[in-house]
Amino acid sequence: MWDGGPWRSRGPATASAGHPSLAEIRAGAEVEIVGVDRSAPGPVADRLRHLGFRQGVRVLKLRTAPLGDPAVYRLLGYDTCLRRQEAAYIEVAG
């Protein structure tokens, strides 16, 4: 079973190709997903896609926990929580 190991080593969120990551946006911001970073481990990328985090989907960051992790996002008519390490793999645009 996958234990999330690769996430622990990822530093502060900075997505590739000049796009910020979902982890970097402020609460209240709505963005469009550009894609999932290719460096995301396969199981992580699959989970994100199964949750609806796909190119072209609009996402609203509702709030962040008091210590900054996890955060609550609204997409496709439902709310979900993601840890900062997971959100760091999702590239977004304004």
N, C-alpha and C. Protein backbone atom coordinates (compact mmCIF):
# COMPACT_ATOMS: atom_id res chain seq x y z
N MET A 1 0.84 -1.19 0.00
CA MET A 1 0.00 0.00 0.00
C MET A 1 0.88 1.24 0.00
N TRP A 2 0.48 2.23 -0.76
CA TRP A 2 1.24 3.47 -0.87
C TRP A 2 1.09 4.29 0.40
N ASP A 3 2.22 4.81 0.94
CA ASP A 3 2.19 5.51 2.23
C ASP A 3 2.37 7.02 2.13
N GLY A 4 2.37 7.59 0.93
CA GLY A 4 2.52 9.04 0.79
C GLY A 4 3.95 9.50 0.87
N GLY A 5 4.90 8.57 0.88
CA GLY A 5 6.31 8.90 1.03
C GLY A 5 6.84 10.01 0.15
N PRO A 6 6.60 9.99 -1.16
CA PRO A 6 7.16 11.03 -2.02
C PRO A 6 6.69 12.43 -1.66
N TRP A 7 5.54 12.56 -1.02
CA TRP A 7 5.06 13.89 -0.67
C TRP A 7 5.93 14.54 0.38
N ARG A 8 6.44 13.76 1.29
CA ARG A 8 7.18 14.32 2.41
C ARG A 8 8.41 15.10 1.97
N SER A 9 8.99 14.71 0.85
CA SER A 9 10.23 15.36 0.43
C SER A 9 9.99 16.60 -0.42
N ARG A 10 8.77 16.85 -0.84
CA ARG A 10 8.49 17.99 -1.70
C ARG A 10 8.53 19.26 -0.87
N GLY A 11 9.25 20.24 -1.36
CA GLY A 11 9.40 21.51 -0.66
C GLY A 11 8.21 22.41 -0.89
N PRO A 12 8.40 23.73 -0.69
CA PRO A 12 7.32 24.68 -0.91
C PRO A 12 6.76 24.56 -2.32
N ALA A 13 5.46 24.75 -2.42
CA ALA A 13 4.78 24.55 -3.70
C ALA A 13 5.16 25.60 -4.73
N THR A 14 5.69 25.17 -5.84
CA THR A 14 5.92 26.01 -7.01
C THR A 14 5.73 25.12 -8.21
N ALA A 15 4.65 25.31 -8.91
CA ALA A 15 4.38 24.47 -10.07
C ALA A 15 5.24 24.90 -11.25
N SER A 16 5.31 24.02 -12.24
CA SER A 16 6.16 24.27 -13.40
C SER A 16 5.47 25.16 -14.43
N ALA A 17 6.20 25.50 -15.49
CA ALA A 17 5.70 26.24 -16.65
C ALA A 17 5.16 27.62 -16.30
N GLY A 18 5.60 28.20 -15.20
CA GLY A 18 5.18 29.54 -14.85
C GLY A 18 3.78 29.64 -14.25
N HIS A 19 3.11 28.55 -14.05
CA HIS A 19 1.78 28.57 -13.44
C HIS A 19 1.92 28.33 -11.94
N PRO A 20 1.18 29.08 -11.13
CA PRO A 20 1.20 28.80 -9.69
C PRO A 20 0.50 27.47 -9.42
N SER A 21 0.73 26.94 -8.24
CA SER A 21 0.04 25.71 -7.86
C SER A 21 -1.22 26.07 -7.06
N LEU A 22 -2.12 25.12 -6.95
CA LEU A 22 -3.34 25.31 -6.18
C LEU A 22 -3.00 25.61 -4.71
N ALA A 23 -1.89 25.09 -4.23
CA ALA A 23 -1.48 25.32 -2.85
C ALA A 23 -1.11 26.78 -2.59
N GLU A 24 -0.77 27.52 -3.63
CA GLU A 24 -0.31 28.90 -3.48
C GLU A 24 -1.41 29.95 -3.48
N ILE A 25 -2.62 29.60 -3.89
CA ILE A 25 -3.66 30.62 -3.99
C ILE A 25 -4.24 30.93 -2.62
N ARG A 26 -4.80 32.12 -2.48
CA ARG A 26 -5.37 32.55 -1.20
C ARG A 26 -6.81 32.07 -1.07
N ALA A 27 -7.30 32.00 0.15
CA ALA A 27 -8.70 31.63 0.38
C ALA A 27 -9.60 32.66 -0.28
N GLY A 28 -10.65 32.20 -0.93
CA GLY A 28 -11.58 33.08 -1.63
C GLY A 28 -11.28 33.22 -3.11
N ALA A 29 -10.12 32.75 -3.55
CA ALA A 29 -9.74 32.85 -4.96
C ALA A 29 -10.33 31.69 -5.75
N GLU A 30 -10.78 32.01 -6.97
CA GLU A 30 -11.27 30.97 -7.88
C GLU A 30 -10.33 30.93 -9.07
N VAL A 31 -9.89 29.74 -9.42
CA VAL A 31 -8.92 29.54 -10.50
C VAL A 31 -9.37 28.40 -11.41
N GLU A 32 -8.70 28.29 -12.54
CA GLU A 32 -8.95 27.18 -13.47
C GLU A 32 -7.74 26.27 -13.49
N ILE A 33 -7.97 24.99 -13.47
CA ILE A 33 -6.87 24.02 -13.48
C ILE A 33 -6.26 23.96 -14.88
N VAL A 34 -4.94 24.10 -14.92
CA VAL A 34 -4.18 23.98 -16.16
C VAL A 34 -3.77 22.53 -16.37
N GLY A 35 -3.46 21.83 -15.28
CA GLY A 35 -3.07 20.43 -15.37
C GLY A 35 -2.48 19.94 -14.06
N VAL A 36 -2.14 18.67 -14.04
CA VAL A 36 -1.46 18.06 -12.90
C VAL A 36 0.00 17.91 -13.27
N ASP A 37 0.89 18.38 -12.41
CA ASP A 37 2.33 18.35 -12.66
C ASP A 37 2.79 16.94 -12.98
N ARG A 38 3.63 16.81 -13.98
CA ARG A 38 4.13 15.49 -14.40
C ARG A 38 5.01 14.82 -13.35
N SER A 39 5.50 15.59 -12.39
CA SER A 39 6.34 15.00 -11.34
C SER A 39 5.50 14.31 -10.26
N ALA A 40 4.18 14.45 -10.33
CA ALA A 40 3.31 13.80 -9.33
C ALA A 40 3.41 12.29 -9.47
N PRO A 41 3.60 11.58 -8.36
CA PRO A 41 3.62 10.11 -8.42
C PRO A 41 2.30 9.60 -9.02
N GLY A 42 2.35 8.51 -9.74
CA GLY A 42 1.18 7.96 -10.41
C GLY A 42 -0.06 7.84 -9.54
N PRO A 43 0.05 7.24 -8.35
CA PRO A 43 -1.14 7.11 -7.49
C PRO A 43 -1.72 8.46 -7.08
N VAL A 44 -0.86 9.45 -6.88
CA VAL A 44 -1.32 10.79 -6.50
C VAL A 44 -2.06 11.43 -7.67
N ALA A 45 -1.46 11.39 -8.85
CA ALA A 45 -2.09 11.97 -10.04
C ALA A 45 -3.43 11.30 -10.32
N ASP A 46 -3.48 9.99 -10.19
CA ASP A 46 -4.74 9.26 -10.40
C ASP A 46 -5.81 9.69 -9.40
N ARG A 47 -5.43 9.80 -8.14
CA ARG A 47 -6.39 10.20 -7.10
C ARG A 47 -6.93 11.59 -7.38
N LEU A 48 -6.04 12.52 -7.75
CA LEU A 48 -6.48 13.89 -8.03
C LEU A 48 -7.46 13.92 -9.21
N ARG A 49 -7.15 13.17 -10.25
CA ARG A 49 -8.07 13.12 -11.41
C ARG A 49 -9.41 12.49 -11.02
N HIS A 50 -9.38 11.44 -10.20
CA HIS A 50 -10.63 10.81 -9.77
C HIS A 50 -11.48 11.75 -8.93
N LEU A 51 -10.84 12.65 -8.20
CA LEU A 51 -11.56 13.64 -7.41
C LEU A 51 -12.10 14.79 -8.27
N GLY A 52 -11.70 14.85 -9.54
CA GLY A 52 -12.19 15.90 -10.44
C GLY A 52 -11.20 16.99 -10.75
N PHE A 53 -9.99 16.90 -10.24
CA PHE A 53 -8.97 17.91 -10.50
C PHE A 53 -8.35 17.65 -11.87
N ARG A 54 -9.06 18.16 -12.91
CA ARG A 54 -8.65 17.97 -14.30
C ARG A 54 -8.59 19.30 -15.02
N GLN A 55 -7.88 19.34 -16.11
CA GLN A 55 -7.72 20.56 -16.91
C GLN A 55 -9.08 21.16 -17.24
N GLY A 56 -9.17 22.48 -17.06
CA GLY A 56 -10.38 23.22 -17.40
C GLY A 56 -11.40 23.34 -16.29
N VAL A 57 -11.25 22.60 -15.20
CA VAL A 57 -12.20 22.64 -14.09
C VAL A 57 -11.91 23.88 -13.24
N ARG A 58 -12.98 24.60 -12.86
CA ARG A 58 -12.85 25.76 -11.98
C ARG A 58 -12.84 25.29 -10.52
N VAL A 59 -11.96 25.88 -9.72
CA VAL A 59 -11.81 25.51 -8.31
C VAL A 59 -11.82 26.77 -7.46
N LEU A 60 -12.57 26.75 -6.38
CA LEU A 60 -12.62 27.84 -5.42
C LEU A 60 -11.99 27.37 -4.12
N LYS A 61 -11.01 28.12 -3.62
CA LYS A 61 -10.41 27.78 -2.32
C LYS A 61 -11.27 28.43 -1.24
N LEU A 62 -11.95 27.61 -0.45
CA LEU A 62 -12.87 28.12 0.55
C LEU A 62 -12.17 28.59 1.82
N ARG A 63 -11.31 27.76 2.35
CA ARG A 63 -10.64 28.11 3.61
C ARG A 63 -9.46 27.18 3.84
N THR A 64 -8.63 27.60 4.78
CA THR A 64 -7.46 26.81 5.17
C THR A 64 -7.55 26.57 6.67
N ALA A 65 -7.09 25.42 7.12
CA ALA A 65 -7.07 25.11 8.55
C ALA A 65 -6.19 26.13 9.28
N PRO A 66 -6.41 26.31 10.58
CA PRO A 66 -5.66 27.32 11.33
C PRO A 66 -4.13 27.24 11.19
N LEU A 67 -3.59 26.06 11.06
CA LEU A 67 -2.13 25.94 10.92
C LEU A 67 -1.70 25.88 9.46
N GLY A 68 -2.63 26.13 8.54
CA GLY A 68 -2.29 26.21 7.12
C GLY A 68 -2.44 24.92 6.33
N ASP A 69 -2.84 23.84 6.95
CA ASP A 69 -2.96 22.58 6.23
C ASP A 69 -3.94 21.68 6.96
N PRO A 70 -4.92 21.08 6.33
CA PRO A 70 -5.25 21.10 4.90
C PRO A 70 -6.10 22.32 4.54
N ALA A 71 -6.51 22.39 3.28
CA ALA A 71 -7.39 23.45 2.79
C ALA A 71 -8.63 22.80 2.18
N VAL A 72 -9.72 23.57 2.16
CA VAL A 72 -10.98 23.09 1.59
C VAL A 72 -11.20 23.78 0.25
N TYR A 73 -11.51 22.98 -0.76
CA TYR A 73 -11.73 23.48 -2.12
C TYR A 73 -13.11 23.06 -2.59
N ARG A 74 -13.73 23.92 -3.42
CA ARG A 74 -15.02 23.58 -4.04
C ARG A 74 -14.81 23.43 -5.54
N LEU A 75 -15.25 22.29 -6.08
CA LEU A 75 -15.19 22.04 -7.51
C LEU A 75 -16.29 21.08 -7.89
N LEU A 76 -16.81 21.23 -9.08
CA LEU A 76 -17.81 20.31 -9.63
C LEU A 76 -18.99 20.09 -8.68
N GLY A 77 -19.35 21.12 -7.90
CA GLY A 77 -20.51 21.03 -7.03
C GLY A 77 -20.30 20.36 -5.68
N TYR A 78 -19.07 20.09 -5.31
CA TYR A 78 -18.82 19.50 -3.99
C TYR A 78 -17.57 20.11 -3.37
N ASP A 79 -17.41 19.92 -2.06
CA ASP A 79 -16.25 20.42 -1.32
C ASP A 79 -15.36 19.24 -0.95
N THR A 80 -14.06 19.47 -1.02
CA THR A 80 -13.10 18.44 -0.63
C THR A 80 -11.88 19.09 0.02
N CYS A 81 -11.18 18.34 0.83
CA CYS A 81 -9.96 18.81 1.47
C CYS A 81 -8.75 18.20 0.78
N LEU A 82 -7.71 19.01 0.65
CA LEU A 82 -6.43 18.52 0.14
C LEU A 82 -5.33 19.03 1.05
N ARG A 83 -4.35 18.21 1.27
CA ARG A 83 -3.14 18.66 1.95
C ARG A 83 -2.34 19.53 0.99
N ARG A 84 -1.53 20.40 1.54
CA ARG A 84 -0.71 21.29 0.73
C ARG A 84 0.16 20.50 -0.25
N GLN A 85 0.68 19.36 0.19
CA GLN A 85 1.54 18.54 -0.68
C GLN A 85 0.78 18.05 -1.90
N GLU A 86 -0.49 17.72 -1.73
CA GLU A 86 -1.31 17.28 -2.86
C GLU A 86 -1.62 18.45 -3.78
N ALA A 87 -2.04 19.56 -3.20
CA ALA A 87 -2.41 20.74 -3.98
C ALA A 87 -1.22 21.31 -4.75
N ALA A 88 -0.01 21.05 -4.27
CA ALA A 88 1.19 21.56 -4.94
C ALA A 88 1.38 20.96 -6.33
N TYR A 89 0.78 19.83 -6.59
CA TYR A 89 0.92 19.18 -7.90
C TYR A 89 -0.09 19.70 -8.93
N ILE A 90 -1.04 20.53 -8.51
CA ILE A 90 -2.09 21.02 -9.41
C ILE A 90 -1.73 22.42 -9.89
N GLU A 91 -1.50 22.56 -11.19
CA GLU A 91 -1.15 23.85 -11.79
C GLU A 91 -2.43 24.59 -12.15
N VAL A 92 -2.47 25.90 -11.82
CA VAL A 92 -3.68 26.69 -12.05
C VAL A 92 -3.36 28.00 -12.74
N ALA A 93 -4.41 28.63 -13.26
CA ALA A 93 -4.31 29.96 -13.86
C ALA A 93 -5.51 30.77 -13.42
N GLY A 94 -5.27 32.09 -13.20
CA GLY A 94 -6.26 33.07 -12.80
C GLY A 94 -7.65 32.73 -13.04
